Amino acid sequence: WFNTIAGLVYVAAGLGLWLQRAWAVRLSAALAVASVLAFAALGVHVAVGGAYEARTVAAMTLRCTFWIGLAWFAARSVGTAR
């Protein structure tokens, strides 16, 4: 469910950032937080013996890094662009 909902929100955030809207910066930060929380939930799942794939861990690492970096960059760029 997370991936389905997040995918739709990614599109909205991308469009908002492209249009340099302040709400998109907050949305990007929220996506970063949500991704980290989902990654933490995966970590708990793995810690209690749940099945997982290494590619899922790699994908979540990339996703978290991307949204944290994008939110940081957008916070510094979008506000100064206008």
PDB file of N, CA and C in Angstrom:
ATOM      1  N   TRP A   1       0.819  -1.200   0.000  1.00  0.00           N
ATOM      2  CA  TRP A   1       0.000   0.000   0.000  1.00  0.00           C
ATOM      3  C   TRP A   1       0.854   1.252   0.000  1.00  0.00           C
ATOM      4  N   PHE A   2       1.942   1.199   0.751  1.00  0.00           N
ATOM      5  CA  PHE A   2       2.796   2.386   0.814  1.00  0.00           C
ATOM      6  C   PHE A   2       3.285   2.782  -0.571  1.00  0.00           C
ATOM      7  N   ASN A   3       3.753   1.816  -1.338  1.00  0.00           N
ATOM      8  CA  ASN A   3       4.294   2.126  -2.668  1.00  0.00           C
ATOM      9  C   ASN A   3       3.238   2.696  -3.604  1.00  0.00           C
ATOM     10  N   THR A   4       2.028   2.182  -3.528  1.00  0.00           N
ATOM     11  CA  THR A   4       0.958   2.671  -4.397  1.00  0.00           C
ATOM     12  C   THR A   4       0.601   4.110  -4.070  1.00  0.00           C
ATOM     13  N   ILE A   5       0.370   4.378  -2.815  1.00  0.00           N
ATOM     14  CA  ILE A   5       0.015   5.740  -2.399  1.00  0.00           C
ATOM     15  C   ILE A   5       1.183   6.692  -2.619  1.00  0.00           C
ATOM     16  N   ALA A   6       2.377   6.265  -2.232  1.00  0.00           N
ATOM     17  CA  ALA A   6       3.555   7.117  -2.378  1.00  0.00           C
ATOM     18  C   ALA A   6       3.807   7.462  -3.838  1.00  0.00           C
ATOM     19  N   GLY A   7       3.578   6.520  -4.732  1.00  0.00           N
ATOM     20  CA  GLY A   7       3.794   6.789  -6.152  1.00  0.00           C
ATOM     21  C   GLY A   7       2.961   7.954  -6.653  1.00  0.00           C
ATOM     22  N   LEU A   8       1.718   8.010  -6.217  1.00  0.00           N
ATOM     23  CA  LEU A   8       0.848   9.122  -6.613  1.00  0.00           C
ATOM     24  C   LEU A   8       1.340  10.444  -6.008  1.00  0.00           C
ATOM     25  N   VAL A   9       1.789  10.372  -4.764  1.00  0.00           N
ATOM     26  CA  VAL A   9       2.268  11.573  -4.087  1.00  0.00           C
ATOM     27  C   VAL A   9       3.593  12.037  -4.693  1.00  0.00           C
ATOM     28  N   TYR A  10       4.424  11.089  -5.157  1.00  0.00           N
ATOM     29  CA  TYR A  10       5.682  11.454  -5.825  1.00  0.00           C
ATOM     30  C   TYR A  10       5.408  12.334  -7.038  1.00  0.00           C
ATOM     31  N   VAL A  11       4.398  11.970  -7.798  1.00  0.00           N
ATOM     32  CA  VAL A  11       4.050  12.738  -8.997  1.00  0.00           C
ATOM     33  C   VAL A  11       3.616  14.152  -8.605  1.00  0.00           C
ATOM     34  N   ALA A  12       2.788  14.262  -7.587  1.00  0.00           N
ATOM     35  CA  ALA A  12       2.331  15.580  -7.124  1.00  0.00           C
ATOM     36  C   ALA A  12       3.509  16.418  -6.631  1.00  0.00           C
ATOM     37  N   ALA A  13       4.394  15.812  -5.864  1.00  0.00           N
ATOM     38  CA  ALA A  13       5.566  16.540  -5.348  1.00  0.00           C
ATOM     39  C   ALA A  13       6.466  16.981  -6.488  1.00  0.00           C
ATOM     40  N   GLY A  14       6.686  16.098  -7.443  1.00  0.00           N
ATOM     41  CA  GLY A  14       7.530  16.448  -8.583  1.00  0.00           C
ATOM     42  C   GLY A  14       6.964  17.608  -9.378  1.00  0.00           C
ATOM     43  N   LEU A  15       5.666  17.573  -9.617  1.00  0.00           N
ATOM     44  CA  LEU A  15       5.018  18.665 -10.345  1.00  0.00           C
ATOM     45  C   LEU A  15       5.118  19.968  -9.552  1.00  0.00           C
ATOM     46  N   GLY A  16       4.845  19.888  -8.266  1.00  0.00           N
ATOM     47  CA  GLY A  16       4.932  21.084  -7.427  1.00  0.00           C
ATOM     48  C   GLY A  16       6.339  21.653  -7.365  1.00  0.00           C
ATOM     49  N   LEU A  17       7.338  20.789  -7.290  1.00  0.00           N
ATOM     50  CA  LEU A  17       8.725  21.272  -7.270  1.00  0.00           C
ATOM     51  C   LEU A  17       9.101  21.879  -8.610  1.00  0.00           C
ATOM     52  N   TRP A  18       8.639  21.271  -9.692  1.00  0.00           N
ATOM     53  CA  TRP A  18       8.917  21.809 -11.019  1.00  0.00           C
ATOM     54  C   TRP A  18       8.330  23.219 -11.163  1.00  0.00           C
ATOM     55  N   LEU A  19       7.153  23.415 -10.555  1.00  0.00           N
ATOM     56  CA  LEU A  19       6.505  24.725 -10.583  1.00  0.00           C
ATOM     57  C   LEU A  19       6.982  25.638  -9.452  1.00  0.00           C
ATOM     58  N   GLN A  20       7.925  25.142  -8.640  1.00  0.00           N
ATOM     59  CA  GLN A  20       8.542  25.873  -7.534  1.00  0.00           C
ATOM     60  C   GLN A  20       7.510  26.374  -6.523  1.00  0.00           C
ATOM     61  N   ARG A  21       6.661  25.486  -6.092  1.00  0.00           N
ATOM     62  CA  ARG A  21       5.641  25.802  -5.098  1.00  0.00           C
ATOM     63  C   ARG A  21       6.145  25.436  -3.704  1.00  0.00           C
ATOM     64  N   ALA A  22       5.881  26.301  -2.746  1.00  0.00           N
ATOM     65  CA  ALA A  22       6.356  26.069  -1.375  1.00  0.00           C
ATOM     66  C   ALA A  22       5.741  24.811  -0.769  1.00  0.00           C
ATOM     67  N   TRP A  23       4.485  24.503  -1.088  1.00  0.00           N
ATOM     68  CA  TRP A  23       3.846  23.310  -0.534  1.00  0.00           C
ATOM     69  C   TRP A  23       4.573  22.039  -0.954  1.00  0.00           C
ATOM     70  N   ALA A  24       5.207  22.078  -2.113  1.00  0.00           N
ATOM     71  CA  ALA A  24       5.916  20.893  -2.605  1.00  0.00           C
ATOM     72  C   ALA A  24       7.162  20.606  -1.768  1.00  0.00           C
ATOM     73  N   VAL A  25       7.747  21.647  -1.193  1.00  0.00           N
ATOM     74  CA  VAL A  25       8.899  21.452  -0.305  1.00  0.00           C
ATOM     75  C   VAL A  25       8.439  20.687   0.936  1.00  0.00           C
ATOM     76  N   ARG A  26       7.324  21.101   1.500  1.00  0.00           N
ATOM     77  CA  ARG A  26       6.782  20.406   2.676  1.00  0.00           C
ATOM     78  C   ARG A  26       6.353  18.981   2.329  1.00  0.00           C
ATOM     79  N   LEU A  27       5.783  18.809   1.156  1.00  0.00           N
ATOM     80  CA  LEU A  27       5.381  17.476   0.718  1.00  0.00           C
ATOM     81  C   LEU A  27       6.605  16.575   0.537  1.00  0.00           C
ATOM     82  N   SER A  28       7.685  17.115   0.005  1.00  0.00           N
ATOM     83  CA  SER A  28       8.926  16.349  -0.155  1.00  0.00           C
ATOM     84  C   SER A  28       9.488  15.934   1.201  1.00  0.00           C
ATOM     85  N   ALA A  29       9.433  16.838   2.152  1.00  0.00           N
ATOM     86  CA  ALA A  29       9.899  16.502   3.499  1.00  0.00           C
ATOM     87  C   ALA A  29       9.007  15.425   4.112  1.00  0.00           C
ATOM     88  N   ALA A  30       7.707  15.520   3.894  1.00  0.00           N
ATOM     89  CA  ALA A  30       6.792  14.502   4.413  1.00  0.00           C
ATOM     90  C   ALA A  30       7.060  13.147   3.756  1.00  0.00           C
ATOM     91  N   LEU A  31       7.376  13.153   2.464  1.00  0.00           N
ATOM     92  CA  LEU A  31       7.721  11.910   1.779  1.00  0.00           C
ATOM     93  C   LEU A  31       9.006  11.316   2.333  1.00  0.00           C
ATOM     94  N   ALA A  32       9.965  12.169   2.659  1.00  0.00           N
ATOM     95  CA  ALA A  32      11.212  11.679   3.262  1.00  0.00           C
ATOM     96  C   ALA A  32      10.924  11.020   4.607  1.00  0.00           C
ATOM     97  N   VAL A  33      10.123  11.662   5.425  1.00  0.00           N
ATOM     98  CA  VAL A  33       9.778  11.108   6.739  1.00  0.00           C
ATOM     99  C   VAL A  33       8.994   9.802   6.581  1.00  0.00           C
ATOM    100  N   ALA A  34       8.026   9.787   5.677  1.00  0.00           N
ATOM    101  CA  ALA A  34       7.221   8.574   5.462  1.00  0.00           C
ATOM    102  C   ALA A  34       8.094   7.421   4.965  1.00  0.00           C
ATOM    103  N   SER A  35       9.035   7.720   4.100  1.00  0.00           N
ATOM    104  CA  SER A  35       9.934   6.682   3.590  1.00  0.00           C
ATOM    105  C   SER A  35      10.807   6.114   4.697  1.00  0.00           C
ATOM    106  N   VAL A  36      11.326   6.992   5.547  1.00  0.00           N
ATOM    107  CA  VAL A  36      12.157   6.538   6.667  1.00  0.00           C
ATOM    108  C   VAL A  36      11.325   5.691   7.627  1.00  0.00           C
ATOM    109  N   LEU A  37      10.087   6.091   7.885  1.00  0.00           N
ATOM    110  CA  LEU A  37       9.217   5.305   8.766  1.00  0.00           C
ATOM    111  C   LEU A  37       8.887   3.938   8.164  1.00  0.00           C
ATOM    112  N   ALA A  38       8.634   3.907   6.865  1.00  0.00           N
ATOM    113  CA  ALA A  38       8.368   2.626   6.199  1.00  0.00           C
ATOM    114  C   ALA A  38       9.611   1.737   6.245  1.00  0.00           C
ATOM    115  N   PHE A  39      10.782   2.335   6.077  1.00  0.00           N
ATOM    116  CA  PHE A  39      12.036   1.593   6.151  1.00  0.00           C
ATOM    117  C   PHE A  39      12.240   1.046   7.563  1.00  0.00           C
ATOM    118  N   ALA A  40      11.910   1.846   8.560  1.00  0.00           N
ATOM    119  CA  ALA A  40      12.016   1.395   9.951  1.00  0.00           C
ATOM    120  C   ALA A  40      11.057   0.229  10.205  1.00  0.00           C
ATOM    121  N   ALA A  41       9.854   0.308   9.650  1.00  0.00           N
ATOM    122  CA  ALA A  41       8.894  -0.788   9.795  1.00  0.00           C
ATOM    123  C   ALA A  41       9.432  -2.059   9.136  1.00  0.00           C
ATOM    124  N   LEU A  42      10.085  -1.911   7.993  1.00  0.00           N
ATOM    125  CA  LEU A  42      10.723  -3.069   7.359  1.00  0.00           C
ATOM    126  C   LEU A  42      11.807  -3.629   8.265  1.00  0.00           C
ATOM    127  N   GLY A  43      12.574  -2.743   8.888  1.00  0.00           N
ATOM    128  CA  GLY A  43      13.618  -3.183   9.810  1.00  0.00           C
ATOM    129  C   GLY A  43      13.055  -3.983  10.965  1.00  0.00           C
ATOM    130  N   VAL A  44      11.939  -3.545  11.521  1.00  0.00           N
ATOM    131  CA  VAL A  44      11.287  -4.281  12.610  1.00  0.00           C
ATOM    132  C   VAL A  44      10.816  -5.644  12.097  1.00  0.00           C
ATOM    133  N   HIS A  45      10.226  -5.648  10.922  1.00  0.00           N
ATOM    134  CA  HIS A  45       9.757  -6.892  10.307  1.00  0.00           C
ATOM    135  C   HIS A  45      10.909  -7.895  10.156  1.00  0.00           C
ATOM    136  N   VAL A  46      12.026  -7.405   9.679  1.00  0.00           N
ATOM    137  CA  VAL A  46      13.206  -8.265   9.498  1.00  0.00           C
ATOM    138  C   VAL A  46      13.740  -8.726  10.852  1.00  0.00           C
ATOM    139  N   ALA A  47      13.767  -7.811  11.820  1.00  0.00           N
ATOM    140  CA  ALA A  47      14.314  -8.129  13.149  1.00  0.00           C
ATOM    141  C   ALA A  47      13.529  -9.240  13.854  1.00  0.00           C
ATOM    142  N   VAL A  48      12.242  -9.330  13.574  1.00  0.00           N
ATOM    143  CA  VAL A  48      11.438 -10.379  14.225  1.00  0.00           C
ATOM    144  C   VAL A  48      11.367 -11.644  13.375  1.00  0.00           C
ATOM    145  N   GLY A  49      12.207 -11.711  12.353  1.00  0.00           N
ATOM    146  CA  GLY A  49      12.311 -12.922  11.554  1.00  0.00           C
ATOM    147  C   GLY A  49      11.491 -12.945  10.286  1.00  0.00           C
ATOM    148  N   GLY A  50      10.968 -11.809   9.889  1.00  0.00           N
ATOM    149  CA  GLY A  50      10.169 -11.746   8.670  1.00  0.00           C
ATOM    150  C   GLY A  50      11.011 -11.890   7.420  1.00  0.00           C
ATOM    151  N   ALA A  51      10.386 -12.371   6.372  1.00  0.00           N
ATOM    152  CA  ALA A  51      11.069 -12.538   5.091  1.00  0.00           C
ATOM    153  C   ALA A  51      11.283 -11.174   4.426  1.00  0.00           C
ATOM    154  N   TYR A  52      12.375 -11.066   3.696  1.00  0.00           N
ATOM    155  CA  TYR A  52      12.675  -9.843   2.963  1.00  0.00           C
ATOM    156  C   TYR A  52      13.647 -10.175   1.841  1.00  0.00           C
ATOM    157  N   GLU A  53      13.784  -9.245   0.925  1.00  0.00           N
ATOM    158  CA  GLU A  53      14.757  -9.396  -0.150  1.00  0.00           C
ATOM    159  C   GLU A  53      15.770  -8.277  -0.041  1.00  0.00           C
ATOM    160  N   ALA A  54      17.006  -8.574  -0.380  1.00  0.00           N
ATOM    161  CA  ALA A  54      18.064  -7.570  -0.325  1.00  0.00           C
ATOM    162  C   ALA A  54      17.757  -6.393  -1.247  1.00  0.00           C
ATOM    163  N   ARG A  55      17.110  -6.663  -2.374  1.00  0.00           N
ATOM    164  CA  ARG A  55      16.795  -5.564  -3.290  1.00  0.00           C
ATOM    165  C   ARG A  55      15.778  -4.598  -2.680  1.00  0.00           C
ATOM    166  N   THR A  56      14.925  -5.088  -1.780  1.00  0.00           N
ATOM    167  CA  THR A  56      13.988  -4.205  -1.097  1.00  0.00           C
ATOM    168  C   THR A  56      14.740  -3.258  -0.172  1.00  0.00           C
ATOM    169  N   VAL A  57      15.714  -3.784   0.540  1.00  0.00           N
ATOM    170  CA  VAL A  57      16.536  -2.951   1.416  1.00  0.00           C
ATOM    171  C   VAL A  57      17.291  -1.919   0.586  1.00  0.00           C
ATOM    172  N   ALA A  58      17.850  -2.337  -0.546  1.00  0.00           N
ATOM    173  CA  ALA A  58      18.572  -1.411  -1.424  1.00  0.00           C
ATOM    174  C   ALA A  58      17.636  -0.336  -1.974  1.00  0.00           C
ATOM    175  N   ALA A  59      16.435  -0.737  -2.383  1.00  0.00           N
ATOM    176  CA  ALA A  59      15.472   0.224  -2.924  1.00  0.00           C
ATOM    177  C   ALA A  59      15.038   1.231  -1.861  1.00  0.00           C
ATOM    178  N   MET A  60      14.803   0.755  -0.654  1.00  0.00           N
ATOM    179  CA  MET A  60      14.397   1.667   0.422  1.00  0.00           C
ATOM    180  C   MET A  60      15.534   2.612   0.800  1.00  0.00           C
ATOM    181  N   THR A  61      16.764   2.121   0.774  1.00  0.00           N
ATOM    182  CA  THR A  61      17.913   2.986   1.038  1.00  0.00           C
ATOM    183  C   THR A  61      17.992   4.087  -0.009  1.00  0.00           C
ATOM    184  N   LEU A  62      17.845   3.716  -1.272  1.00  0.00           N
ATOM    185  CA  LEU A  62      17.874   4.697  -2.359  1.00  0.00           C
ATOM    186  C   LEU A  62      16.719   5.678  -2.235  1.00  0.00           C
ATOM    187  N   ARG A  63      15.527   5.175  -1.970  1.00  0.00           N
ATOM    188  CA  ARG A  63      14.339   6.029  -1.845  1.00  0.00           C
ATOM    189  C   ARG A  63      14.500   7.043  -0.711  1.00  0.00           C
ATOM    190  N   CYS A  64      14.951   6.577   0.444  1.00  0.00           N
ATOM    191  CA  CYS A  64      15.133   7.477   1.590  1.00  0.00           C
ATOM    192  C   CYS A  64      16.194   8.523   1.296  1.00  0.00           C
ATOM    193  N   THR A  65      17.310   8.092   0.727  1.00  0.00           N
ATOM    194  CA  THR A  65      18.389   9.022   0.394  1.00  0.00           C
ATOM    195  C   THR A  65      17.912  10.071  -0.606  1.00  0.00           C
ATOM    196  N   PHE A  66      17.181   9.623  -1.622  1.00  0.00           N
ATOM    197  CA  PHE A  66      16.679  10.538  -2.642  1.00  0.00           C
ATOM    198  C   PHE A  66      15.756  11.600  -2.043  1.00  0.00           C
ATOM    199  N   TRP A  67      14.760  11.180  -1.258  1.00  0.00           N
ATOM    200  CA  TRP A  67      13.783  12.146  -0.745  1.00  0.00           C
ATOM    201  C   TRP A  67      14.366  13.048   0.332  1.00  0.00           C
ATOM    202  N   ILE A  68      15.267  12.536   1.132  1.00  0.00           N
ATOM    203  CA  ILE A  68      15.937  13.398   2.112  1.00  0.00           C
ATOM    204  C   ILE A  68      16.754  14.453   1.380  1.00  0.00           C
ATOM    205  N   GLY A  69      17.524  14.022   0.391  1.00  0.00           N
ATOM    206  CA  GLY A  69      18.334  14.964  -0.386  1.00  0.00           C
ATOM    207  C   GLY A  69      17.495  15.962  -1.155  1.00  0.00           C
ATOM    208  N   LEU A  70      16.426  15.486  -1.782  1.00  0.00           N
ATOM    209  CA  LEU A  70      15.570  16.380  -2.558  1.00  0.00           C
ATOM    210  C   LEU A  70      14.870  17.396  -1.659  1.00  0.00           C
ATOM    211  N   ALA A  71      14.391  16.954  -0.514  1.00  0.00           N
ATOM    212  CA  ALA A  71      13.730  17.877   0.414  1.00  0.00           C
ATOM    213  C   ALA A  71      14.716  18.928   0.912  1.00  0.00           C
ATOM    214  N   TRP A  72      15.931  18.510   1.201  1.00  0.00           N
ATOM    215  CA  TRP A  72      16.956  19.462   1.658  1.00  0.00           C
ATOM    216  C   TRP A  72      17.275  20.469   0.558  1.00  0.00           C
ATOM    217  N   PHE A  73      17.500  19.983  -0.652  1.00  0.00           N
ATOM    218  CA  PHE A  73      17.812  20.861  -1.779  1.00  0.00           C
ATOM    219  C   PHE A  73      16.644  21.793  -2.088  1.00  0.00           C
ATOM    220  N   ALA A  74      15.435  21.270  -2.092  1.00  0.00           N
ATOM    221  CA  ALA A  74      14.256  22.079  -2.412  1.00  0.00           C
ATOM    222  C   ALA A  74      14.055  23.167  -1.363  1.00  0.00           C
ATOM    223  N   ALA A  75      14.294  22.858  -0.103  1.00  0.00           N
ATOM    224  CA  ALA A  75      14.122  23.855   0.959  1.00  0.00           C
ATOM    225  C   ALA A  75      15.066  25.031   0.748  1.00  0.00           C
ATOM    226  N   ARG A  76      16.233  24.775   0.175  1.00  0.00           N
ATOM    227  CA  ARG A  76      17.192  25.832  -0.061  1.00  0.00           C
ATOM    228  C   ARG A  76      16.989  26.534  -1.395  1.00  0.00           C
ATOM    229  N   SER A  77      16.355  25.859  -2.344  1.00  0.00           N
ATOM    230  CA  SER A  77      16.233  26.405  -3.692  1.00  0.00           C
ATOM    231  C   SER A  77      14.899  27.052  -4.010  1.00  0.00           C
ATOM    232  N   VAL A  78      13.818  26.426  -3.635  1.00  0.00           N
ATOM    233  CA  VAL A  78      12.498  26.892  -4.048  1.00  0.00           C
ATOM    234  C   VAL A  78      12.202  28.257  -3.435  1.00  0.00           C
ATOM    235  N   GLY A  79      12.529  28.449  -2.196  1.00  0.00           N
ATOM    236  CA  GLY A  79      12.258  29.733  -1.552  1.00  0.00           C
ATOM    237  C   GLY A  79      13.056  30.883  -2.115  1.00  0.00           C
ATOM    238  N   THR A  80      14.229  30.609  -2.674  1.00  0.00           N
ATOM    239  CA  THR A  80      15.085  31.673  -3.188  1.00  0.00           C
ATOM    240  C   THR A  80      14.910  31.891  -4.675  1.00  0.00           C
ATOM    241  N   ALA A  81      14.112  31.046  -5.345  1.00  0.00           N
ATOM    242  CA  ALA A  81      13.962  31.146  -6.786  1.00  0.00           C
ATOM    243  C   ALA A  81      13.079  32.323  -7.195  1.00  0.00           C
ATOM    244  N   ARG A  82      12.257  32.791  -6.312  1.00  0.00           N
ATOM    245  CA  ARG A  82      11.319  33.868  -6.689  1.00  0.00           C
ATOM    246  C   ARG A  82      11.671  35.168  -6.024  1.00  0.00           C
TER     247      ARG A  82
END
